[in-house]
Amino acid sequence: MSDLSILGITESELDKHCIDLFYQTPIRFKPRKGNKIDEKVNFYIQELDIKFPIELIKDDLYLIGCERLNIKQNSNTESLLVRVGGGYVKFEDHVLKQNKYYQRMLVIYMIKSGESLEWVVEQLIANRKITG
């Protein structure tokens, strides 16, 4: 994570921004009708109370928080798997583990750019670097 002093905020201020922004889900996931992966993603968002954005980019590529990751469904167990590094991890394990990191990074990108969460998400989907 970047040095917060450069951004002019403290750890506790960053955490407060996260609490304020992600108190409710600011950007809702829109599942494609009849798409099993999207339906399962939507289920986990509700079940795990995920507040950070998850957006479809194309095919099986999704923006999860601040990362572009591939999701697949295990044909045997029907569980969702996220490609991380050279392998796959369970979707629910990944999002729970990365929850705070994703929220903090999105807020940092907003502070750096001076833009809204929606703008930041659009830039990340388009795979553009966010600077400020």
Protein backbone atom coordinates (compact mmCIF):
# COMPACT_ATOMS: atom_id res chain seq x y z
CA MET A 1 0.00 0.00 0.00
CA SER A 2 1.20 3.50 -0.73
CA ASP A 3 2.59 5.77 1.98
CA LEU A 4 -0.50 7.51 3.35
CA SER A 5 1.43 10.59 4.47
CA ILE A 6 1.94 11.44 0.79
CA LEU A 7 -1.85 11.53 0.46
CA GLY A 8 -2.14 13.68 3.56
CA ILE A 9 -4.23 11.21 5.59
CA THR A 10 -3.68 8.86 8.49
CA GLU A 11 -4.56 5.16 8.79
CA SER A 12 -7.57 6.03 10.94
CA GLU A 13 -8.77 8.65 8.44
CA LEU A 14 -8.45 6.10 5.65
CA ASP A 15 -10.46 3.60 7.68
CA LYS A 16 -13.14 6.24 8.34
CA HIS A 17 -13.38 6.98 4.59
CA CYS A 18 -13.84 3.24 3.99
CA ILE A 19 -16.55 2.96 6.63
CA ASP A 20 -18.37 6.00 5.23
CA LEU A 21 -18.13 4.87 1.60
CA PHE A 22 -18.83 1.17 2.10
CA TYR A 23 -21.48 1.46 4.81
CA GLN A 24 -23.90 0.53 2.04
CA THR A 25 -23.07 -1.02 -1.30
CA PRO A 26 -22.21 2.02 -3.47
CA ILE A 27 -22.16 0.12 -6.79
CA ARG A 28 -24.48 -2.85 -7.18
CA PHE A 29 -23.54 -5.94 -9.20
CA LYS A 30 -25.77 -6.56 -12.22
CA PRO A 31 -25.86 -10.29 -13.04
CA ARG A 32 -26.50 -11.37 -16.60
CA LYS A 33 -29.77 -13.25 -16.80
CA GLY A 34 -29.22 -17.00 -17.02
CA ASN A 35 -25.44 -16.77 -16.43
CA LYS A 36 -24.56 -19.29 -13.70
CA ILE A 37 -21.33 -17.56 -12.67
CA ASP A 38 -23.03 -14.16 -12.38
CA GLU A 39 -25.87 -15.69 -10.37
CA LYS A 40 -23.37 -17.33 -8.00
CA VAL A 41 -21.37 -14.07 -7.68
CA ASN A 42 -24.61 -12.26 -6.86
CA PHE A 43 -25.46 -14.94 -4.27
CA TYR A 44 -22.09 -14.52 -2.54
CA ILE A 45 -22.35 -10.73 -2.60
CA GLN A 46 -25.63 -11.01 -0.68
CA GLU A 47 -24.55 -13.92 1.55
CA LEU A 48 -21.18 -12.41 2.54
CA ASP A 49 -22.45 -8.80 2.57
CA ILE A 50 -19.77 -7.65 0.13
CA LYS A 51 -19.78 -3.86 -0.19
CA PHE A 52 -16.93 -3.20 -2.63
CA PRO A 53 -17.69 -3.23 -6.37
CA ILE A 54 -17.65 -6.38 -8.41
CA GLU A 55 -18.25 -5.71 -12.09
CA LEU A 56 -18.24 -7.88 -15.20
CA ILE A 57 -15.61 -6.78 -17.69
CA LYS A 58 -16.12 -9.47 -20.34
CA ASP A 59 -16.55 -13.25 -20.57
CA ASP A 60 -15.14 -14.61 -17.28
CA LEU A 61 -13.08 -11.48 -16.45
CA TYR A 62 -14.38 -9.38 -13.57
CA LEU A 63 -13.28 -6.34 -11.64
CA ILE A 64 -13.22 -7.52 -8.04
CA GLY A 65 -12.51 -4.55 -5.81
CA CYS A 66 -9.49 -3.06 -7.56
CA GLU A 67 -8.24 -6.17 -9.39
CA ARG A 68 -9.11 -7.64 -12.76
CA LEU A 69 -9.54 -11.38 -12.13
CA ASN A 70 -10.95 -14.40 -13.92
CA ILE A 71 -13.72 -16.41 -12.27
CA LYS A 72 -14.68 -19.95 -13.15
CA GLN A 73 -17.15 -22.41 -11.73
CA ASN A 74 -15.86 -25.77 -10.51
CA SER A 75 -17.87 -28.32 -12.49
CA ASN A 76 -17.79 -30.90 -9.67
CA THR A 77 -18.78 -28.73 -6.70
CA GLU A 78 -20.32 -25.73 -8.52
CA SER A 79 -18.25 -23.47 -6.26
CA LEU A 80 -16.69 -20.34 -7.72
CA LEU A 81 -12.94 -20.09 -8.16
CA VAL A 82 -10.88 -16.94 -8.72
CA ARG A 83 -7.60 -17.05 -10.62
CA VAL A 84 -4.95 -15.53 -8.37
CA GLY A 85 -1.34 -15.76 -9.44
CA GLY A 86 -0.75 -19.18 -10.98
CA GLY A 87 -3.70 -20.97 -9.41
CA TYR A 88 -7.26 -20.73 -8.21
CA VAL A 89 -8.75 -19.99 -4.80
CA LYS A 90 -12.36 -20.14 -3.62
CA PHE A 91 -14.21 -16.94 -4.46
CA GLU A 92 -15.64 -16.54 -0.95
CA ASP A 93 -12.22 -17.03 0.69
CA HIS A 94 -10.62 -14.50 -1.64
CA VAL A 95 -13.17 -11.71 -1.19
CA LEU A 96 -13.29 -12.11 2.58
CA LYS A 97 -9.49 -12.09 2.84
CA GLN A 98 -9.10 -9.09 0.53
CA ASN A 99 -12.12 -7.08 1.72
CA LYS A 100 -10.24 -4.41 3.70
CA TYR A 101 -7.45 -4.18 1.13
CA TYR A 102 -9.92 -3.62 -1.73
CA GLN A 103 -11.84 -0.97 0.18
CA ARG A 104 -8.66 0.88 1.17
CA MET A 105 -7.18 0.78 -2.34
CA LEU A 106 -10.38 2.10 -3.90
CA VAL A 107 -10.46 5.00 -1.44
CA ILE A 108 -6.76 5.69 -2.09
CA TYR A 109 -7.44 5.76 -5.85
CA MET A 110 -10.31 8.20 -5.23
CA ILE A 111 -8.08 10.47 -3.15
CA LYS A 112 -5.22 10.31 -5.68
CA SER A 113 -7.47 11.08 -8.63
CA GLY A 114 -9.89 13.46 -6.89
CA GLU A 115 -12.67 11.54 -8.62
CA SER A 116 -15.70 9.46 -7.60
CA LEU A 117 -15.77 5.72 -6.95
CA GLU A 118 -17.71 5.26 -10.21
CA TRP A 119 -14.95 7.03 -12.15
CA VAL A 120 -12.25 4.93 -10.44
CA VAL A 121 -14.13 1.72 -11.25
CA GLU A 122 -14.50 2.79 -14.91
CA GLN A 123 -10.74 3.41 -15.10
CA LEU A 124 -9.95 0.03 -13.54
CA ILE A 125 -12.34 -1.77 -15.89
CA ALA A 126 -10.67 -0.02 -18.83
CA ASN A 127 -7.29 -1.05 -17.33
CA ARG A 128 -6.05 2.53 -17.06
CA LYS A 129 -3.53 3.62 -14.46
CA ILE A 130 -4.93 5.94 -11.81
CA THR A 131 -2.65 8.79 -10.89
CA GLY A 132 -3.05 11.97 -9.00
